[in-house]
Protein backbone atom coordinates (compact mmCIF):
# COMPACT_ATOMS: atom_id res chain seq x y z
CA MET A 1 67.54 130.06 106.08
CA ASP A 2 68.03 127.35 103.43
CA GLU A 3 69.26 123.81 104.07
CA ARG A 4 72.85 124.68 103.19
CA GLU A 5 72.98 127.43 105.76
CA ARG A 6 71.43 125.22 108.42
CA ALA A 7 73.99 122.48 107.78
CA LEU A 8 76.96 124.89 107.77
CA GLY A 9 75.72 126.55 110.94
CA ALA A 10 75.42 123.20 112.70
CA ALA A 11 78.93 122.27 111.60
CA TYR A 12 80.34 125.60 112.81
CA ARG A 13 78.73 125.28 116.24
CA ALA A 14 79.85 121.67 116.61
CA ALA A 15 83.44 122.54 115.62
CA LEU A 16 83.65 125.35 118.18
CA ALA A 17 82.18 123.08 120.85
CA PHE A 18 84.79 120.41 120.02
CA PHE A 19 87.63 122.92 120.42
CA ASP A 20 86.20 124.28 123.63
CA GLU A 21 86.16 120.81 125.19
CA LEU A 22 89.59 119.67 124.01
CA ASP A 23 91.49 120.68 127.11
CA GLU A 24 89.33 118.64 129.48
CA ARG A 25 88.15 115.65 127.44
CA PRO A 26 90.23 112.43 127.34
CA VAL A 27 92.72 112.52 124.49
CA TRP A 28 92.23 108.89 123.53
CA PRO A 29 88.75 107.71 122.38
CA ARG A 30 86.33 106.37 124.98
CA ALA A 31 84.50 104.14 122.46
CA ASP A 32 85.58 101.45 119.98
CA VAL A 33 84.54 100.92 116.38
CA ASP A 34 81.65 98.58 117.33
CA ASP A 35 80.23 101.32 119.57
CA MET A 36 80.48 103.78 116.72
CA LEU A 37 78.85 101.41 114.22
CA ALA A 38 75.90 101.13 116.61
CA ALA A 39 75.78 104.88 117.20
CA PHE A 40 75.66 105.85 113.54
CA GLY A 41 73.10 103.23 112.50
CA ARG A 42 73.76 100.31 110.23
CA GLU A 43 70.57 100.59 108.16
CA LEU A 44 70.11 103.24 105.47
CA PRO A 45 67.09 105.45 106.35
CA GLU A 46 64.15 105.21 104.02
CA ASN A 47 63.35 108.92 103.85
CA PRO A 48 65.33 112.18 103.60
CA VAL A 49 66.44 114.04 106.75
CA ASP A 50 67.16 117.78 106.98
CA ALA A 51 70.88 118.47 106.49
CA GLY A 52 71.16 120.60 109.63
CA ARG A 53 69.75 117.78 111.75
CA VAL A 54 72.07 115.26 110.06
CA ILE A 55 75.13 117.32 110.95
CA ALA A 56 74.02 117.98 114.54
CA GLU A 57 73.37 114.28 115.06
CA LEU A 58 76.67 113.36 113.44
CA ALA A 59 78.61 115.65 115.74
CA ALA A 60 76.84 114.47 118.89
CA ARG A 61 77.09 110.76 118.12
CA ALA A 62 80.76 110.92 117.09
CA GLN A 63 82.02 112.42 120.37
CA PRO A 64 83.04 109.22 122.26
CA GLY A 65 84.93 107.94 119.21
CA LEU A 66 86.98 111.04 118.52
CA VAL A 67 90.67 111.30 119.41
CA GLY A 68 92.00 114.69 120.55
CA ILE A 69 94.51 115.07 117.73
CA ALA A 70 93.67 118.77 117.50
CA GLY A 71 94.68 119.38 121.14
CA GLY A 72 98.07 119.99 122.71
CA ARG A 73 98.61 116.57 124.34
CA PHE A 74 98.38 114.17 121.39
CA PHE A 75 101.87 112.83 120.81
CA GLY A 76 101.10 109.60 118.96
CA PHE A 77 102.64 108.53 115.66
CA VAL A 78 103.78 111.76 113.88
CA ILE A 79 100.55 113.71 113.55
CA GLY A 80 100.26 117.48 113.61
CA GLY A 81 97.28 119.65 114.37
CA THR A 82 95.67 122.31 112.18
CA LEU A 83 96.54 126.00 112.29
CA PRO A 84 93.50 128.32 112.38
CA ALA A 85 94.11 129.84 108.94
CA ALA A 86 94.66 126.40 107.41
CA LEU A 87 91.45 125.05 108.92
CA ALA A 88 89.37 127.96 107.66
CA ALA A 89 90.97 127.72 104.23
CA ASP A 90 90.06 124.04 104.11
CA TRP A 91 86.42 124.89 104.77
CA LEU A 92 86.55 127.23 101.81
CA VAL A 93 88.13 124.57 99.63
CA SER A 94 85.09 122.36 100.30
CA ALA A 95 82.68 125.24 99.73
CA TRP A 96 84.36 126.28 96.45
CA ASP A 97 84.40 122.66 95.23
CA GLN A 98 87.01 123.29 92.54
CA ASN A 99 88.32 120.36 90.44
CA SER A 100 91.92 121.38 90.78
CA GLY A 101 93.71 119.56 88.01
CA SER A 102 93.69 122.26 85.36
CA SER A 103 95.20 125.73 85.63
CA THR A 104 92.85 126.90 82.89
CA MET A 105 89.67 125.65 84.56
CA THR A 106 90.55 126.48 88.18
CA PRO A 107 93.21 129.26 88.00
CA ALA A 108 92.72 130.57 91.53
CA VAL A 109 93.40 127.25 93.22
CA VAL A 110 96.29 126.36 90.92
CA ALA A 111 97.88 129.78 91.51
CA LEU A 112 97.59 129.36 95.28
CA GLU A 113 99.19 125.90 95.08
CA ARG A 114 102.06 127.12 92.87
CA ILE A 115 102.85 129.95 95.29
CA ALA A 116 102.59 127.65 98.29
CA GLY A 117 104.98 125.21 96.59
CA ALA A 118 107.48 127.92 95.77
CA TRP A 119 107.34 129.35 99.31
CA MET A 120 107.84 125.92 100.76
CA CYS A 121 110.82 125.14 98.54
CA GLU A 122 112.40 128.47 99.52
CA LEU A 123 111.93 127.74 103.23
CA LEU A 124 113.33 124.22 102.93
CA GLY A 125 116.34 125.12 100.76
CA LEU A 126 114.98 123.26 97.70
CA PRO A 127 114.98 124.47 94.08
CA ARG A 128 112.18 127.03 93.69
CA ASP A 129 111.50 125.83 90.14
CA ALA A 130 110.98 122.20 91.21
CA SER A 131 107.60 120.64 90.50
CA VAL A 132 105.44 120.38 93.63
CA GLY A 133 102.63 117.89 93.30
CA PHE A 134 100.03 118.02 96.11
CA VAL A 135 98.95 114.50 97.01
CA THR A 136 97.17 112.87 99.94
CA GLY A 137 100.17 112.42 102.25
CA ALA A 138 103.77 111.28 102.58
CA GLN A 139 102.95 107.76 101.41
CA MET A 140 101.74 108.98 98.03
CA ALA A 141 104.43 111.65 97.84
CA ASN A 142 107.08 108.91 98.13
CA PHE A 143 105.31 106.88 95.50
CA VAL A 144 105.09 109.79 93.05
CA CYS A 145 108.76 110.69 93.51
CA LEU A 146 110.01 107.14 93.25
CA ALA A 147 107.89 106.43 90.16
CA ALA A 148 109.27 109.56 88.50
CA ALA A 149 112.77 108.54 89.53
CA ARG A 150 112.41 105.07 88.00
CA HIS A 151 111.22 106.54 84.69
CA ALA A 152 114.09 109.03 84.68
CA VAL A 153 116.92 106.59 85.42
CA LEU A 154 115.59 104.10 82.88
CA ARG A 155 115.48 106.85 80.27
CA ARG A 156 119.11 107.64 81.04
CA ALA A 157 119.86 103.98 80.46
CA GLY A 158 118.19 104.15 77.03
CA TRP A 159 114.85 102.63 77.96
CA ASP A 160 111.49 104.33 77.31
CA LEU A 161 109.19 103.12 80.08
CA THR A 162 106.10 104.89 78.73
CA ARG A 163 106.54 103.17 75.35
CA ASP A 164 107.98 99.75 76.22
CA GLY A 165 106.81 99.14 79.81
CA LEU A 166 108.85 97.30 82.42
CA ARG A 167 109.17 93.93 80.71
CA GLY A 168 112.68 93.67 79.34
CA ALA A 169 113.84 96.92 80.98
CA PRO A 170 117.36 97.14 82.41
CA PRO A 171 117.39 95.85 86.02
CA LEU A 172 117.13 98.66 88.58
CA ARG A 173 118.49 98.73 92.10
CA PHE A 174 116.82 100.67 94.90
CA VAL A 175 119.13 101.43 97.83
CA VAL A 176 117.46 102.13 101.16
CA GLY A 177 118.57 102.51 104.76
CA ALA A 178 117.99 99.82 107.37
CA ASP A 179 115.78 102.20 109.35
CA ARG A 180 113.75 103.70 106.54
CA HIS A 181 110.06 104.24 107.05
CA GLY A 182 107.75 101.48 105.85
CA ALA A 183 106.11 103.98 103.51
CA VAL A 184 109.18 103.71 101.23
CA ASP A 185 108.84 99.91 100.88
CA ARG A 186 105.11 100.30 100.30
CA ALA A 187 105.67 102.96 97.66
CA LEU A 188 108.11 100.64 95.91
CA ARG A 189 105.56 97.80 95.99
CA PHE A 190 103.03 100.15 94.39
CA ALA A 191 105.58 100.72 91.63
CA GLY A 192 106.01 97.00 91.05
CA VAL A 193 109.40 96.70 92.79
CA GLY A 194 110.13 93.42 94.52
CA ALA A 195 112.17 92.85 97.65
CA ALA A 196 114.91 91.22 95.52
CA GLU A 197 115.47 94.58 93.80
CA ILE A 198 116.11 96.43 97.11
CA ALA A 199 119.58 96.76 98.66
CA VAL A 200 119.53 97.62 102.37
CA VAL A 201 122.33 99.75 103.81
CA ALA A 202 123.32 99.54 107.48
CA SER A 203 122.60 102.41 109.84
CA ASP A 204 123.99 103.63 113.16
CA GLY A 205 122.41 103.47 116.59
CA GLU A 206 120.15 106.45 115.83
CA GLY A 207 119.01 105.10 112.46
CA ARG A 208 121.26 107.20 110.21
CA MET A 209 122.58 105.58 107.07
CA LEU A 210 126.34 104.85 107.28
CA PRO A 211 128.36 106.43 104.45
CA GLU A 212 130.92 103.60 104.34
CA ALA A 213 128.10 101.07 104.08
CA LEU A 214 126.51 103.04 101.23
CA SER A 215 129.85 103.21 99.44
CA GLU A 216 130.25 99.47 99.64
CA THR A 217 126.71 98.89 98.38
CA LEU A 218 127.09 101.25 95.45
CA ARG A 219 130.37 99.55 94.42
CA ALA A 220 128.53 96.24 94.31
CA GLU A 221 125.82 97.82 92.07
CA GLU A 222 128.30 99.46 89.66
CA GLY A 223 126.83 99.81 86.16
CA ALA A 224 123.16 99.35 87.07
CA PRO A 225 120.64 102.24 87.19
CA VAL A 226 120.36 103.11 90.90
CA ILE A 227 117.96 105.07 93.09
CA VAL A 228 119.15 105.90 96.58
CA CYS A 229 116.49 106.67 99.21
CA LEU A 230 117.62 108.83 102.15
CA GLN A 231 115.72 110.04 105.19
CA ALA A 232 115.12 113.36 106.95
CA GLY A 233 113.72 112.47 110.34
CA GLU A 234 113.76 108.83 111.43
CA VAL A 235 110.28 108.10 112.73
CA HIS A 236 111.48 106.77 116.14
CA THR A 237 114.57 108.83 116.90
CA GLY A 238 114.10 111.88 114.68
CA ALA A 239 117.64 111.42 113.33
CA PHE A 240 118.73 112.72 109.90
CA ASP A 241 120.90 110.91 107.37
CA PRO A 242 124.23 112.73 106.78
CA PHE A 243 123.24 114.24 103.45
CA ALA A 244 126.49 116.17 102.95
CA GLN A 245 128.34 112.86 102.80
CA LEU A 246 125.75 110.56 101.26
CA ILE A 247 124.48 112.66 98.35
CA PRO A 248 127.88 113.31 96.72
CA LEU A 249 128.69 109.64 97.17
CA ALA A 250 125.51 108.60 95.40
CA ARG A 251 126.06 111.21 92.70
CA SER A 252 129.55 109.79 91.97
CA HIS A 253 127.84 106.54 91.03
CA GLY A 254 125.22 108.26 88.84
CA ALA A 255 122.38 107.53 91.22
CA TRP A 256 119.11 109.43 91.57
CA VAL A 257 118.76 110.57 95.19
CA HIS A 258 115.34 110.72 96.84
CA VAL A 259 114.70 112.02 100.38
CA ASP A 260 111.80 110.87 102.51
CA GLY A 261 111.28 113.97 104.65
CA ALA A 262 107.70 113.43 105.82
CA PHE A 263 108.21 115.58 108.92
CA GLY A 264 111.94 116.24 108.96
CA LEU A 265 112.43 118.43 105.90
CA TRP A 266 110.91 121.30 107.88
CA ALA A 267 114.01 121.45 110.12
CA ALA A 268 115.54 123.53 107.35
CA ALA A 269 113.12 126.35 108.12
CA ALA A 270 114.46 126.87 111.68
CA PRO A 271 117.97 128.42 111.91
CA GLU A 272 118.87 126.43 115.03
CA LEU A 273 117.95 123.13 113.30
CA ARG A 274 119.07 123.83 109.74
CA HIS A 275 122.32 121.97 110.23
CA LEU A 276 120.34 118.73 110.32
CA THR A 277 119.40 119.15 106.65
CA GLU A 278 122.76 120.36 105.33
CA SER A 279 123.00 119.60 101.58
CA VAL A 280 119.51 118.08 101.40
CA GLY A 281 118.73 120.42 98.52
CA GLU A 282 121.28 118.59 96.34
CA ALA A 283 118.96 115.59 95.97
CA ASP A 284 116.68 114.91 92.99
CA SER A 285 113.33 114.49 94.74
CA TRP A 286 111.79 114.99 98.17
CA ALA A 287 108.59 113.84 99.92
CA THR A 288 106.93 115.63 102.81
CA ASP A 289 103.52 115.94 104.47
CA GLY A 290 101.99 119.27 105.43
CA HIS A 291 99.77 117.68 108.08
CA LYS A 292 102.80 116.88 110.14
CA THR A 293 105.12 119.77 110.87
CA LEU A 294 103.35 122.50 108.93
CA ASN A 295 100.07 121.77 110.75
CA VAL A 296 97.60 121.90 107.90
CA PRO A 297 94.61 119.51 107.61
CA TYR A 298 95.04 115.97 106.35
CA ASP A 299 95.25 115.46 102.57
CA CYS A 300 98.29 117.67 101.95
CA GLY A 301 101.34 115.66 101.00
CA MET A 302 103.92 117.19 98.67
CA ALA A 303 105.88 115.28 96.00
CA ILE A 304 108.77 117.54 94.96
CA VAL A 305 110.88 116.76 91.92
CA ARG A 306 113.93 118.88 90.97
CA ASP A 307 113.27 118.83 87.21
CA PRO A 308 109.57 119.20 86.39
CA ALA A 309 110.23 117.43 83.09
CA ASP A 310 110.86 114.22 85.03
CA SER A 311 107.40 114.46 86.59
CA ILE A 312 105.65 115.38 83.36
CA ALA A 313 107.32 112.61 81.39
CA LEU A 314 105.56 110.03 83.54
CA PHE A 315 102.32 111.68 84.71
CA HIS A 316 101.32 113.93 81.78
CA ALA A 317 97.52 113.63 81.38
CA GLY A 318 95.95 112.53 78.12
CA GLY A 319 92.48 113.14 76.74
CA ASP A 320 91.45 115.41 73.87
CA TYR A 321 88.68 116.90 76.00
CA LEU A 322 91.05 118.22 78.63
CA ILE A 323 92.24 121.81 78.68
CA HIS A 324 96.01 121.99 79.01
CA SER A 325 98.42 124.79 79.80
CA SER A 326 102.18 124.91 80.39
CA LEU A 327 102.18 123.00 83.72
CA ASP A 328 98.96 121.61 85.15
CA PRO A 329 98.66 119.81 88.51
CA TRP A 330 97.42 116.68 86.74
CA ASP A 331 100.74 116.52 84.88
CA VAL A 332 102.85 115.93 87.99
CA THR A 333 100.74 113.45 90.06
CA PRO A 334 98.60 110.39 89.22
CA GLU A 335 95.29 112.21 89.80
CA LEU A 336 93.02 114.02 87.36
CA SER A 337 90.21 115.06 89.70
CA ARG A 338 91.00 116.30 93.19
CA ARG A 339 90.20 119.02 95.70
CA GLY A 340 92.42 122.08 96.12
CA ARG A 341 94.50 120.47 98.86
CA GLY A 342 97.31 123.00 98.52
CA VAL A 343 95.13 125.95 99.51
CA PRO A 344 95.41 125.33 103.28
CA ALA A 345 99.20 125.14 102.85
CA TRP A 346 99.16 128.60 101.28
CA ALA A 347 96.98 129.88 104.15
CA ALA A 348 99.29 128.38 106.80
CA LEU A 349 102.41 129.85 105.19
CA ARG A 350 100.76 133.22 104.61
CA SER A 351 99.56 133.40 108.20
CA LEU A 352 102.93 132.40 109.70
CA GLY A 353 105.39 134.09 107.41
CA ARG A 354 109.05 133.10 107.36
CA ALA A 355 109.57 133.96 111.06
CA GLY A 356 106.44 132.17 112.15
CA VAL A 357 107.41 128.94 110.38
CA ALA A 358 110.86 129.11 111.98
CA ASP A 359 109.28 129.66 115.40
CA LEU A 360 106.78 126.82 114.92
CA VAL A 361 109.49 124.28 114.01
CA GLY A 362 111.84 125.53 116.73
CA ARG A 363 109.04 125.39 119.31
CA LEU A 364 108.26 121.77 118.45
CA HIS A 365 111.94 120.95 119.13
CA ARG A 366 111.89 122.90 122.40
CA ASN A 367 108.81 120.97 123.47
CA ALA A 368 110.74 117.73 122.85
CA LEU A 369 113.65 118.96 124.93
CA GLN A 370 111.32 119.98 127.76
CA LEU A 371 109.69 116.54 127.78
CA GLU A 372 113.09 114.84 127.70
CA THR A 373 114.18 116.84 130.77
CA ARG A 374 111.01 116.00 132.68
CA LEU A 375 111.15 112.26 131.80
CA ARG A 376 114.81 111.98 132.85
CA ALA A 377 113.76 113.04 136.33
CA ILE A 378 111.23 110.14 136.66
CA PRO A 379 112.71 107.07 138.39
CA GLY A 380 112.84 103.96 136.21
CA ILE A 381 112.50 105.80 132.87
CA THR A 382 115.35 105.71 130.31
CA ILE A 383 115.47 108.03 127.29
CA VAL A 384 116.45 105.86 124.32
CA ASN A 385 117.32 108.39 121.63
CA ASP A 386 119.32 111.57 121.13
CA VAL A 387 116.63 114.26 121.07
CA VAL A 388 117.88 116.19 118.03
CA TYR A 389 114.51 117.15 116.60
CA THR A 390 110.89 116.44 117.63
CA GLN A 391 110.95 112.75 118.71
CA VAL A 392 111.33 111.54 122.30
CA MET A 393 111.57 107.78 122.84
CA PHE A 394 111.68 106.19 126.29
CA ARG A 395 111.22 102.91 128.09
CA LEU A 396 111.16 101.16 131.46
CA ASP A 397 113.66 98.42 132.28
CA ASP A 398 111.19 95.66 131.39
CA ASP A 399 109.40 95.30 128.01
CA ALA A 400 106.14 94.16 129.58
CA ALA A 401 106.18 97.10 132.00
CA THR A 402 106.86 99.50 129.14
CA ARG A 403 103.86 98.20 127.19
CA ALA A 404 101.69 98.28 130.32
CA LEU A 405 102.67 101.90 130.91
CA GLY A 406 101.70 102.75 127.32
CA ALA A 407 98.29 101.16 127.79
CA ALA A 408 97.80 102.94 131.12
CA ILE A 409 98.59 106.31 129.59
CA LEU A 410 95.98 105.85 126.88
CA ALA A 411 93.40 104.63 129.41
CA ASP A 412 94.14 107.57 131.69
CA GLY A 413 93.35 110.03 128.88
CA THR A 414 95.63 112.91 129.93
CA ALA A 415 97.77 112.44 126.85
CA ALA A 416 98.19 110.04 123.92
CA LEU A 417 101.44 108.49 122.84
CA THR A 418 102.17 105.27 120.99
CA GLY A 419 104.36 102.25 121.42
CA ALA A 420 106.89 100.72 119.09
CA GLN A 421 109.94 98.42 118.90
CA TRP A 422 113.47 99.82 118.73
CA ARG A 423 116.46 97.53 118.42
CA GLY A 424 114.37 94.63 119.65
CA ARG A 425 113.04 96.36 122.78
CA ALA A 426 109.65 97.83 123.57
CA VAL A 427 109.58 101.63 123.65
CA LEU A 428 107.10 104.47 123.92
CA ARG A 429 107.31 107.32 121.41
CA CYS A 430 106.29 110.94 121.78
CA SER A 431 106.23 113.11 118.68
CA MET A 432 106.07 116.86 119.11
CA SER A 433 104.09 117.85 116.00
CA ASN A 434 101.24 120.06 117.14
CA TRP A 435 101.34 123.88 117.04
CA ALA A 436 98.89 123.92 119.98
CA THR A 437 101.19 122.14 122.49
CA SER A 438 102.21 124.41 125.32
CA PRO A 439 104.80 124.07 128.11
CA ALA A 440 101.86 123.42 130.43
CA ASP A 441 100.78 120.52 128.22
CA ILE A 442 104.26 119.01 128.50
CA ASP A 443 104.25 119.34 132.28
CA ARG A 444 100.77 117.89 132.57
CA THR A 445 101.79 114.94 130.39
CA ALA A 446 105.03 114.31 132.32
CA ASP A 447 103.11 114.44 135.62
CA ALA A 448 100.69 111.79 134.31
CA ILE A 449 103.55 109.57 133.13
CA ALA A 450 105.26 109.87 136.54
CA ARG A 451 102.02 109.02 138.34
CA LEU A 452 101.35 106.02 136.11
CA SER A 453 104.91 104.70 135.80
CA LEU A 454 105.64 104.04 139.47
CA PRO A 455 103.02 101.29 140.01
CA THR A 456 103.66 99.96 136.50
CA ALA A 457 107.43 99.75 137.10
CA SER A 458 106.98 97.96 140.40
CA ALA A 459 104.32 95.51 139.10
């Protein structure tokens, strides 16, 4: 057995052991970063160590610092798990080690990504001929889409960004909702957009952009190139902007419409939830993240642009040594060299099929409804949001007690959920994002919250 086989064997055994222990181990880590720095060793060893031994030691030493994201009771942030087919495909991606920028050099990977992108657009009601750029996550997907949008609207205004740069360009206005995700602001900063260039539109109690407020904002921006950023799935409440009203309104003012749908776009794949995304396919660009609702490994964001020419115009790769074809991955994202991150998405979609994706998304919503029902029965707990999708937000009467309950839940280890602020009050958020979550996991979590909330509420 050579060193490669020993290392892979050690990784396989450690992965299976990790999965076997997930149901009983604490969901939240039992060690902090200082503990982990000490465990892994701060000094670089002088001499080589066998790869199999390295992997076995790595797996053993990491255990106290690992969070149970892959299990059924991790509800923090908006983080999915990994479907079996997607996990195995990701192992192959690393083994194949394909530099996946060129369709000529790595045709197998590029073909898999093109098919995965087309399947995904079909499921989500988006144009099948849109460009789908596979990036690291929703943050970079938003950046790619908004950068392409800026180039496109400036070109419509008679300005060539690739030739003349931004200095002297017509002033742009970026219109965002009051409850947009911070990733949108961060993406705009990456693109060189300052706060003074952003117009914020009021939203309702669930975080949905108000059509009348958008209309007023657009009238004030009349004549300027405008990009309107909408949202599918507010990160706290799970609410969806009313696309059927907002998109035609933005179109009437000549605006480019972008949708941040990091986890919410997938509602379109479930018949019982599709109404939440009505008319979302009429936008110009969309961002989503496969590690959330689709449950593929990290490093699988998707930047989707209606007209591939708008992506290519900004991101087309140069270099006389490169091998080009009609549409290469490096022509629709900022990266030249990258792994085949779309392959696990293909494997997930192929393993689920249309019915399986619909069931997955619908089941995540049903999990949220089950948790809502259980939490409403616990004295002292108030549900804060309308549970329309996968997010459940709750609180106790007192902010300090709410935060204390959140800390107690993490210390207890039965489940993991995270705190936040909503309308100036402390809340706890549960996101149903993992394919592995079962009704028993929901009951076990609710039982722990009930047990921990009573002394916290009375403290």
